[in-house]
Protein backbone atom coordinates (compact mmCIF):
# COMPACT_ATOMS: atom_id res chain seq x y z
CA MET A 1 -34.79 -2.56 99.18
CA ARG A 2 -33.76 -1.04 95.84
CA ARG A 3 -37.25 0.44 95.29
CA ALA A 4 -37.13 2.21 98.65
CA LEU A 5 -33.62 3.45 97.96
CA LYS A 6 -34.61 4.74 94.52
CA THR A 7 -37.61 6.61 95.94
CA ALA A 8 -35.58 8.21 98.70
CA VAL A 9 -32.72 9.21 96.46
CA ALA A 10 -34.99 10.65 93.76
CA ALA A 11 -36.36 13.10 96.29
CA LEU A 12 -32.85 14.32 97.02
CA THR A 13 -31.55 14.61 93.46
CA THR A 14 -32.87 18.12 92.79
CA ALA A 15 -31.66 19.44 96.11
CA LEU A 16 -28.22 17.97 95.56
CA ALA A 17 -27.62 19.72 92.23
CA GLY A 18 -24.58 21.90 92.80
CA VAL A 19 -24.46 21.07 96.50
CA ALA A 20 -22.04 18.47 97.93
CA PRO A 21 -21.43 16.63 100.08
CA VAL A 22 -24.57 15.90 102.07
CA THR A 23 -23.70 14.13 105.31
CA THR A 24 -26.77 12.40 106.61
CA GLY A 25 -27.98 12.28 110.17
CA PRO A 26 -30.80 10.30 111.75
CA PRO A 27 -33.82 10.11 109.40
CA ALA A 28 -36.90 12.16 110.15
CA HIS A 29 -39.78 10.30 111.73
CA GLY A 30 -41.39 8.09 109.06
CA ALA A 31 -38.78 8.89 106.36
CA PRO A 32 -37.10 5.89 104.69
CA THR A 33 -33.50 5.25 105.69
CA ILE A 34 -31.09 5.55 102.77
CA THR A 35 -28.76 2.57 102.88
CA CYS A 36 -25.84 1.11 100.97
CA GLN A 37 -25.32 -2.63 101.24
CA GLY A 38 -27.59 -2.72 104.27
CA ARG A 39 -25.75 0.05 106.11
CA PRO A 40 -27.14 3.57 106.71
CA ALA A 41 -25.58 6.07 104.31
CA THR A 42 -23.29 8.69 105.83
CA VAL A 43 -22.92 10.59 102.54
CA VAL A 44 -25.48 11.02 99.76
CA GLY A 45 -24.10 12.92 96.77
CA SER A 46 -20.90 13.20 94.75
CA THR A 47 -18.12 13.88 97.27
CA GLY A 48 -17.10 11.76 100.23
CA THR A 49 -14.81 12.57 103.12
CA GLU A 50 -11.30 11.49 104.09
CA GLY A 51 -12.81 9.06 106.59
CA ASP A 52 -14.59 5.74 106.19
CA ASP A 53 -17.79 6.61 104.34
CA VAL A 54 -20.96 4.74 103.49
CA MET A 55 -21.74 6.66 100.34
CA VAL A 56 -24.71 6.66 97.97
CA VAL A 57 -23.78 8.24 94.64
CA VAL A 58 -26.56 9.96 92.71
CA PRO A 59 -24.90 10.83 89.37
CA GLN A 60 -24.95 14.45 88.24
CA PRO A 61 -24.15 15.56 84.67
CA GLY A 62 -20.46 16.33 84.17
CA VAL A 63 -19.54 15.54 87.79
CA THR A 64 -17.10 12.80 88.82
CA ALA A 65 -18.16 11.31 92.14
CA GLN A 66 -15.18 11.05 94.51
CA GLY A 67 -14.91 8.85 97.56
CA LEU A 68 -11.61 10.47 98.64
CA GLY A 69 -9.70 8.77 101.48
CA GLY A 70 -10.76 6.09 103.92
CA ASN A 71 -12.13 2.59 103.52
CA ASP A 72 -15.39 3.46 101.81
CA THR A 73 -18.50 1.52 100.87
CA ILE A 74 -19.98 3.16 97.76
CA CYS A 75 -23.27 2.40 96.03
CA ILE A 76 -24.00 3.85 92.58
CA VAL A 77 -27.68 4.59 92.00
CA ALA A 78 -28.43 5.84 88.49
CA ALA A 79 -32.08 5.90 87.41
CA PRO A 80 -33.05 5.94 83.70
CA GLU A 81 -32.97 9.44 82.19
CA GLY A 82 -33.10 8.80 78.45
CA GLY A 83 -30.29 9.58 76.05
CA MET A 84 -26.64 8.60 76.20
CA ARG A 85 -24.64 9.62 79.27
CA ASN A 86 -21.48 8.88 81.25
CA VAL A 87 -21.35 8.09 84.97
CA THR A 88 -17.89 8.29 86.58
CA VAL A 89 -16.90 7.32 90.12
CA ASP A 90 -13.38 7.62 91.59
CA ALA A 91 -13.20 5.66 94.85
CA GLY A 92 -9.85 7.21 95.85
CA ALA A 93 -7.35 5.86 98.35
CA GLY A 94 -8.20 3.15 100.86
CA ASP A 95 -9.67 -0.34 100.77
CA ASP A 96 -12.96 0.46 99.07
CA THR A 97 -16.05 -1.53 98.13
CA VAL A 98 -18.03 -0.23 95.14
CA VAL A 99 -21.37 -1.70 94.08
CA ASN A 100 -23.38 -0.63 91.05
CA GLU A 101 -27.07 -0.75 92.02
CA SER A 102 -28.28 1.40 89.13
CA THR A 103 -31.44 0.76 87.17
CA ASP A 104 -30.22 2.66 84.09
CA VAL A 105 -29.04 -0.08 81.71
CA GLU A 106 -29.52 1.51 78.29
CA ASP A 107 -27.13 3.88 76.53
CA VAL A 108 -25.00 4.56 79.62
CA TRP A 109 -21.27 4.13 80.19
CA TYR A 110 -20.09 3.64 83.77
CA THR A 111 -16.43 4.39 84.54
CA ILE A 112 -15.13 3.19 87.90
CA VAL A 113 -11.66 4.09 89.19
CA LEU A 114 -10.91 1.99 92.26
CA GLY A 115 -7.64 3.81 93.04
CA THR A 116 -4.99 2.65 95.48
CA GLY A 117 -5.82 0.05 98.09
CA ALA A 118 -7.26 -3.46 98.11
CA ASP A 119 -10.62 -2.75 96.50
CA SER A 120 -13.65 -4.62 95.21
CA TYR A 121 -16.27 -3.86 92.60
CA VAL A 122 -19.58 -5.56 91.80
CA GLY A 123 -21.19 -4.48 88.55
CA LEU A 124 -24.71 -4.43 87.24
CA ASP A 125 -26.42 -7.79 87.35
CA ALA A 126 -28.92 -6.78 84.69
CA VAL A 127 -30.20 -8.11 81.39
CA ILE A 128 -28.64 -6.55 78.28
CA PRO A 129 -31.41 -4.76 76.32
CA SER A 130 -32.77 -7.05 73.59
CA ASN A 131 -34.02 -4.19 71.43
CA PRO A 132 -31.68 -4.15 68.38
CA GLN A 133 -31.93 -0.35 68.31
CA ALA A 134 -30.86 -0.05 71.94
CA SER A 135 -27.28 0.60 73.01
CA PRO A 136 -26.44 -1.59 76.01
CA PHE A 137 -24.76 -0.40 79.16
CA HIS A 138 -20.98 -0.61 79.58
CA GLU A 139 -18.75 -0.63 82.63
CA THR A 140 -15.08 0.35 82.50
CA VAL A 141 -13.18 -0.48 85.67
CA TYR A 142 -9.64 0.57 86.57
CA ALA A 143 -8.22 -1.66 89.30
CA GLY A 144 -5.74 1.06 90.26
CA VAL A 145 -5.30 4.71 89.37
CA ARG A 146 -6.64 5.70 85.99
CA GLU A 147 -4.33 5.71 82.99
CA THR A 148 -5.90 6.85 79.73
CA GLY A 149 -6.28 3.99 77.26
CA SER A 150 -4.05 1.36 78.89
CA VAL A 151 -2.52 0.00 82.07
CA GLU A 152 0.95 1.26 81.16
CA GLY A 153 2.45 3.15 84.08
CA SER A 154 -0.46 2.46 86.42
CA LEU A 155 0.09 1.66 90.08
CA ASP A 156 -2.27 -1.27 90.60
CA VAL A 157 -0.20 -3.36 93.01
CA GLU A 158 -2.79 -4.28 95.67
CA VAL A 159 -5.15 -7.26 95.45
CA ASP A 160 -8.47 -6.24 93.90
CA VAL A 161 -11.64 -8.25 93.25
CA ILE A 162 -13.67 -7.11 90.22
CA ASP A 163 -16.92 -8.74 89.10
CA THR A 164 -18.55 -6.70 86.32
CA ARG A 165 -21.32 -9.24 85.59
CA GLY A 166 -23.56 -8.37 82.61
CA GLY A 167 -22.92 -5.83 79.85
CA ASP A 168 -20.02 -5.09 77.50
CA ASP A 169 -17.31 -4.25 80.00
CA VAL A 170 -13.65 -3.19 80.06
CA VAL A 171 -11.29 -3.95 82.95
CA HIS A 172 -7.76 -2.56 83.40
CA SER A 173 -5.75 -4.72 85.80
CA GLY A 174 -2.12 -4.75 86.89
CA THR A 175 1.02 -2.70 86.35
CA THR A 176 3.69 -2.82 83.65
CA THR A 177 6.51 -2.51 86.17
CA PRO A 178 8.97 -5.24 85.08
CA GLY A 179 8.55 -8.39 87.15
CA ALA A 180 5.42 -7.18 88.96
CA THR A 181 2.87 -9.67 90.28
CA ASN A 182 -0.86 -9.36 89.60
CA ASN A 183 -3.08 -11.04 92.21
CA ASP A 184 -6.34 -9.48 91.04
CA THR A 185 -9.52 -11.49 90.60
CA VAL A 186 -11.29 -10.34 87.42
CA LEU A 187 -14.67 -11.77 86.38
CA THR A 188 -16.45 -10.10 83.46
CA GLY A 189 -19.59 -12.23 83.13
CA THR A 190 -21.79 -12.25 80.04
CA GLY A 191 -21.34 -9.72 77.23
CA ASP A 192 -18.54 -8.76 74.83
CA ASP A 193 -15.85 -7.80 77.32
CA SER A 194 -12.23 -6.59 77.18
CA VAL A 195 -9.51 -7.13 79.76
CA GLU A 196 -6.26 -5.15 79.74
CA TRP A 197 -3.87 -7.32 81.76
CA ALA A 198 -0.34 -6.63 82.99
CA GLY A 199 1.86 -8.43 85.48
CA GLU A 200 2.60 -12.05 86.28
CA GLN A 201 -0.44 -13.75 87.75
CA GLY A 202 0.07 -14.68 91.39
CA GLY A 203 -1.36 -17.65 93.21
CA ALA A 204 -4.38 -15.66 94.38
CA GLY A 205 -5.16 -14.21 90.94
CA THR A 206 -8.09 -15.28 88.76
CA LEU A 207 -9.14 -14.19 85.27
CA ASP A 208 -12.48 -15.35 83.83
CA LEU A 209 -13.95 -13.51 80.84
CA GLY A 210 -17.11 -15.61 80.67
CA PRO A 211 -19.09 -16.11 77.43
CA GLY A 212 -19.09 -13.55 74.63
CA ASP A 213 -16.95 -12.04 71.87
CA ASN A 214 -14.19 -11.13 74.32
CA THR A 215 -10.80 -9.42 73.97
CA LEU A 216 -7.64 -10.08 76.00
CA SER A 217 -4.85 -7.48 75.79
CA LEU A 218 -1.48 -8.46 77.24
CA HIS A 219 0.83 -5.62 78.24
CA PRO A 220 4.61 -5.53 78.89
CA GLY A 221 6.20 -6.51 82.18
CA TRP A 222 6.85 -10.25 81.95
CA GLN A 223 10.55 -10.98 82.41
CA GLY A 224 12.18 -13.46 80.05
CA ALA A 225 13.24 -14.17 76.48
CA SER A 226 10.33 -16.18 75.05
CA THR A 227 6.54 -15.82 75.36
CA THR A 228 4.02 -18.45 74.24
CA VAL A 229 0.29 -17.65 74.20
CA SER A 230 -1.96 -20.67 73.70
CA GLY A 231 -5.68 -20.41 73.02
CA PRO A 232 -6.32 -24.16 73.45
CA ALA A 233 -4.43 -24.22 76.78
CA ARG A 234 -5.84 -20.83 77.86
CA ALA A 235 -2.45 -19.88 79.20
CA ALA A 236 0.60 -17.70 78.61
CA VAL A 237 4.07 -19.07 79.34
CA VAL A 238 7.38 -17.21 79.59
CA ASP A 239 10.61 -19.23 79.55
CA GLY A 240 8.73 -22.33 80.67
CA ARG A 241 6.82 -20.79 83.58
CA THR A 242 3.11 -20.03 83.44
CA VAL A 243 2.51 -16.30 83.87
CA LEU A 244 -1.24 -16.24 83.19
CA ARG A 245 -4.16 -18.64 83.04
CA TRP A 246 -7.68 -17.67 82.11
CA ALA A 247 -11.17 -19.09 81.68
CA GLY A 248 -13.96 -18.06 79.35
CA SER A 249 -14.15 -17.32 75.65
CA ILE A 250 -11.60 -15.13 73.85
CA ALA A 251 -12.06 -14.09 70.21
CA HIS A 252 -9.49 -11.27 70.05
CA TYR A 253 -5.93 -11.24 71.35
CA GLU A 254 -3.70 -8.16 71.50
CA VAL A 255 -0.15 -9.09 72.47
CA GLY A 256 2.16 -6.20 73.33
CA VAL A 257 4.78 -7.98 75.44
CA HIS A 258 8.45 -7.21 74.81
CA THR A 259 10.14 -10.60 74.96
CA ARG A 260 12.47 -11.40 72.06
CA ASP A 261 10.69 -14.56 70.86
CA GLN A 262 6.90 -14.76 70.63
CA SER A 263 4.59 -17.64 69.73
CA PHE A 264 0.83 -18.00 69.42
CA THR A 265 -1.45 -21.00 68.89
CA GLY A 266 -5.09 -20.44 68.03
CA THR A 267 -8.12 -22.68 68.35
CA ASP A 268 -10.60 -23.91 65.74
CA ALA A 269 -12.82 -20.87 66.38
CA ALA A 270 -12.56 -17.57 64.49
CA GLU A 271 -9.92 -15.44 66.21
CA THR A 272 -8.02 -12.18 65.78
CA LEU A 273 -4.40 -11.70 66.83
CA VAL A 274 -2.69 -8.31 66.90
CA LEU A 275 1.02 -8.70 67.60
CA ALA A 276 2.07 -5.19 68.59
CA SER A 277 5.34 -5.66 70.44
CA ARG A 278 7.99 -2.94 70.13
CA THR A 279 10.60 -5.69 69.85
CA THR A 280 11.94 -6.66 66.41
CA GLY A 281 14.10 -9.66 65.64
CA GLY A 282 13.85 -12.97 67.41
CA ARG A 283 11.38 -15.65 66.32
CA ARG A 284 7.68 -15.34 65.54
CA VAL A 285 5.91 -18.70 65.42
CA ILE A 286 2.20 -18.20 64.82
CA SER A 287 -0.41 -20.84 64.01
CA MET A 288 -3.91 -19.35 63.86
CA GLY A 289 -5.61 -22.77 63.74
CA GLY A 290 -9.08 -23.39 62.32
CA GLY A 291 -11.77 -20.80 61.73
CA ASP A 292 -11.78 -17.59 59.71
CA ASP A 293 -8.96 -15.78 61.48
CA HIS A 294 -7.21 -12.43 61.19
CA LEU A 295 -3.57 -11.65 61.96
CA ALA A 296 -2.17 -8.12 62.24
CA LEU A 297 1.60 -8.39 62.52
CA HIS A 298 3.46 -5.25 63.59
CA SER A 299 6.56 -6.92 65.04
CA MET A 300 8.84 -8.75 62.63
CA GLY A 301 11.37 -11.55 63.09
CA SER A 302 12.23 -14.98 61.75
CA GLY A 303 10.10 -18.11 62.17
CA ARG A 304 6.84 -19.16 60.53
CA VAL A 305 3.33 -17.70 60.29
CA THR A 306 0.37 -19.81 59.14
CA GLY A 307 -3.33 -19.06 58.89
CA GLY A 308 -4.49 -22.68 59.10
CA THR A 309 -7.83 -23.91 57.80
CA GLY A 310 -10.67 -21.48 57.11
CA ARG A 311 -10.52 -18.22 55.18
CA ASP A 312 -7.86 -16.21 56.95
CA SER A 313 -6.70 -12.62 56.54
CA TYR A 314 -3.43 -10.82 57.19
CA SER A 315 -2.66 -7.11 57.57
CA GLY A 316 0.59 -5.29 58.22
CA ASN A 317 2.28 -1.91 57.86
CA ALA A 318 5.63 -2.51 59.57
CA CYS A 319 7.71 -2.95 56.38
CA SER A 320 9.19 -0.27 54.16
CA ILE A 321 10.07 -3.06 51.71
CA ALA A 322 7.98 -6.25 51.65
CA THR A 323 8.32 -9.23 49.35
CA VAL A 324 5.59 -11.79 50.01
CA ARG A 325 5.00 -15.20 48.49
CA VAL A 326 1.98 -17.02 49.90
CA GLY A 327 3.07 -20.59 50.56
CA GLY A 328 6.68 -19.44 50.68
CA THR A 329 8.52 -16.60 52.40
CA PHE A 330 7.61 -13.17 53.76
CA SER A 331 10.63 -10.85 53.58
CA CYS A 332 10.51 -7.50 55.36
CA VAL A 333 12.77 -4.49 55.77
CA PRO A 334 11.23 -2.72 58.80
CA VAL A 335 10.19 0.91 58.63
CA GLY A 336 13.03 3.08 59.93
CA ASP A 337 15.64 0.28 59.83
CA GLY A 338 16.86 -0.20 56.27
CA ALA A 339 19.94 -2.17 57.38
CA VAL A 340 17.94 -5.19 58.61
CA ARG A 341 15.85 -7.71 56.69
CA HIS A 342 13.61 -10.28 58.41
CA SER A 343 12.28 -13.38 56.67
CA PHE A 344 9.77 -15.97 57.85
CA GLY A 345 7.58 -18.70 56.39
CA PHE A 346 4.15 -17.50 55.31
CA ASP A 347 1.18 -19.64 54.28
CA ASP A 348 -2.59 -20.21 54.38
CA PHE A 349 -3.76 -16.59 54.22
CA GLU A 350 -6.39 -15.84 51.58
CA ASP A 351 -6.95 -12.10 52.20
CA LEU A 352 -4.01 -9.70 52.45
CA LEU A 353 -3.79 -5.98 53.22
CA LEU A 354 -0.23 -4.65 53.01
CA LYS A 355 1.01 -1.09 53.48
CA GLY A 356 4.55 0.10 52.87
CA GLY A 357 6.97 1.66 50.43
CA ASP A 358 7.96 -1.09 47.98
CA VAL A 359 5.53 -4.03 48.15
CA ARG A 360 5.57 -7.14 45.98
CA VAL A 361 3.16 -10.06 46.40
CA VAL A 362 2.86 -13.46 44.74
CA GLY A 363 -0.27 -15.42 45.55
CA SER A 364 -1.06 -19.13 45.43
CA ALA A 365 -3.49 -21.42 43.64
CA ALA A 366 -6.27 -20.42 46.08
CA ASP A 367 -8.89 -17.68 45.58
CA GLU A 368 -7.25 -14.63 47.14
CA LYS A 369 -8.02 -10.98 47.81
CA VAL A 370 -4.94 -8.77 47.90
CA LYS A 371 -4.90 -5.04 48.54
CA VAL A 372 -1.62 -3.14 48.52
CA MET A 373 -1.13 0.49 49.57
CA ALA A 374 2.38 1.74 48.82
CA SER A 375 4.36 4.88 48.06
CA GLN A 376 7.24 3.57 45.90
CA ARG A 377 6.38 0.39 44.03
CA ILE A 378 3.54 -2.15 43.73
CA ARG A 379 3.72 -5.51 41.97
CA VAL A 380 1.08 -8.18 42.60
CA ARG A 381 0.70 -11.55 40.86
CA GLY A 382 -2.30 -13.65 41.80
CA ARG A 383 -1.23 -16.89 40.09
CA GLY A 384 -4.09 -19.42 40.19
CA GLY A 385 -7.59 -19.08 41.60
CA ASP A 386 -10.28 -16.45 41.21
CA ASP A 387 -8.44 -13.48 42.64
CA VAL A 388 -9.30 -9.88 43.52
CA LEU A 389 -6.27 -7.58 43.29
CA ASN A 390 -6.48 -3.94 44.36
CA ALA A 391 -3.84 -1.20 44.52
CA THR A 392 -3.65 2.26 46.10
CA ALA A 393 -0.67 4.43 45.18
CA SER A 394 0.71 7.41 47.06
CA GLY A 395 3.86 9.54 47.17
CA THR A 396 6.47 9.14 44.42
CA LEU A 397 4.76 6.06 43.01
CA ARG A 398 2.32 8.27 41.17
CA GLY A 399 5.07 9.56 38.89
CA GLU A 400 7.70 6.82 38.61
CA HIS A 401 7.03 3.08 38.38
CA PRO A 402 3.76 1.74 36.99
CA VAL A 403 1.61 -0.37 39.28
CA VAL A 404 1.55 -3.94 37.99
CA LEU A 405 -1.35 -6.28 38.78
CA ALA A 406 -1.35 -9.72 37.10
CA GLY A 407 -4.23 -12.07 37.74
CA GLY A 408 -3.07 -15.38 36.22
CA PRO A 409 -5.37 -18.36 35.52
CA GLY A 410 -8.90 -17.95 36.89
CA THR A 411 -11.72 -15.41 36.83
CA ASP A 412 -10.01 -12.37 38.29
CA ARG A 413 -10.97 -8.82 39.21
CA LEU A 414 -8.19 -6.24 39.02
CA VAL A 415 -8.64 -2.67 40.31
CA GLY A 416 -5.91 -0.17 39.52
CA SER A 417 -4.66 2.90 41.35
CA GLN A 418 -4.29 6.65 40.81
CA ALA A 419 -0.83 5.99 39.36
CA ARG A 420 -0.07 4.50 35.94
CA ASP A 421 -1.33 0.92 35.96
CA ARG A 422 -0.43 -2.17 33.97
CA LEU A 423 -3.24 -4.68 34.43
CA LEU A 424 -2.80 -8.22 33.07
CA GLY A 425 -5.80 -10.52 33.35
CA GLY A 426 -4.28 -13.81 32.15
CA PRO A 427 -6.34 -16.89 31.23
CA GLY A 428 -9.99 -16.66 32.32
CA ASN A 429 -12.92 -14.27 32.04
CA ASP A 430 -11.55 -11.25 33.86
CA ARG A 431 -12.77 -7.77 34.77
CA LEU A 432 -10.10 -5.06 34.81
CA PHE A 433 -10.56 -1.48 36.04
CA GLY A 434 -8.00 1.25 35.44
CA GLY A 435 -7.48 4.26 37.68
CA GLY A 436 -6.81 7.95 37.33
CA ARG A 437 -3.92 7.92 34.82
CA GLY A 438 -3.16 6.53 31.38
CA ASP A 439 -3.26 2.76 31.95
CA GLU A 440 -2.37 -0.33 29.95
CA ILE A 441 -5.02 -3.04 30.29
CA ILE A 442 -4.56 -6.47 28.70
CA GLY A 443 -7.25 -9.07 29.27
CA GLY A 444 -5.42 -12.12 27.87
CA PRO A 445 -7.12 -15.42 26.93
CA GLY A 446 -10.83 -15.60 27.77
CA ARG A 447 -13.72 -13.17 27.48
CA ASP A 448 -12.53 -10.13 29.39
CA LYS A 449 -13.99 -6.73 30.21
CA ALA A 450 -11.74 -3.67 30.43
CA PHE A 451 -12.77 -0.33 31.96
CA GLY A 452 -10.19 2.38 31.40
CA GLN A 453 -11.74 4.94 33.76
CA GLN A 454 -9.90 8.30 33.83
CA GLY A 455 -6.82 9.14 31.77
CA ARG A 456 -5.85 8.02 28.27
CA ASP A 457 -5.96 4.24 28.44
CA ARG A 458 -4.94 1.45 26.08
CA CYS A 459 -7.12 -1.65 26.37
CA SER A 460 -7.01 -5.12 24.84
CA ALA A 461 -10.13 -7.07 25.77
CA GLU A 462 -13.35 -8.46 24.29
CA VAL A 463 -15.40 -5.72 25.96
CA ARG A 464 -13.91 -2.23 26.35
CA ARG A 465 -15.32 0.82 28.12
CA THR A 466 -13.77 4.33 28.37
CA CYS A 467 -10.65 3.13 26.55
CA GLU A 468 -9.00 5.57 24.15
CA SER A 469 -6.92 3.06 22.17
CA ARG A 470 -6.37 -0.66 21.64
């Protein structure tokens, strides 16, 4: 069936360029009938009618195929052309059925806007190219009207059924209207997929991301004071009621809900959590669990944050003033709110990336990597372990306070900034690198190597390079 359809449509492609729509009549004697889902096509081209169409879409460069009004049945037929391209279909209003029957599965991005109505979509059931040089196909599906980059403000209120199947796909489902219900069924199949989800899951709703390195993004709209997201339970709960359940594998979570209190529990797999709520204050209770995890925290409050077992990393830029002690307390004055200070327990993170104004960090006995980017003051003390400490200075820091990096016991590597640096290796065989100004570099006990770099530097170490004085 697909071979006959491909042959018939290929013959029309040239004639259709710049001409739309083509409303078909009875086929000429002996000519193959162009069908969509077993039904004779009423439109072949890029523009449907306001009635109920059976439409075969032959993609044209730079043209968005539009189903317009009516309850349409739309088949997408894209044959391989070579080179990267985009194929976009907007089903329009009505209860539409869209099926991707294309044979082009390499280096192509399909964008499907289902629009208003109770719609369904079936994606490509094709094998992802195994060639490591090949770029696989992608399908991005909007359950409602299209909103650039997110579901915020979208009007997806009807019940949609979306099954993207193979490929690395993105699905936008639901609306951020407070208290809205989301009854969509979303199945993403194999591949590294992303689902942007908003609304409280209704009894008819289903979310299954299948296998792969998948991402789940949770948008505002849930009503309540406290949200708990649990990887082991595969569920989100607000004030004791379950607002979302899912199946499949999730490696990356992006939580942008606006409840006051927020909690997360990870699994023993490697996971990423981005907490991006606009709400500050309240409690943040985060346990990343096992695995080599990453936490990006952009919403501060009280509570406790732990990385768990594995080598875990933390990044954040929400604090104008940050005082961090690994295994102790993280204290933060949020950017733009100097009258408030939030403090929470902080432990089991080995790699830290912190951005702010005044940033001070004290490590633990573990081997840690700490990078600080700040505009007013930087002080980092590694304590025990074989640490890597790195600083980047900007703004007034380049002319006022020196950057201080102190390694402590262990074999440490210290990398200074473009400001004046004071690098202290401590006990152990350390390597210390100055920056772009006149730095003070002191190796301490052990066989140390000091590299002054630019500026007039003073170095005290067993091996000295580009140091002007001792």
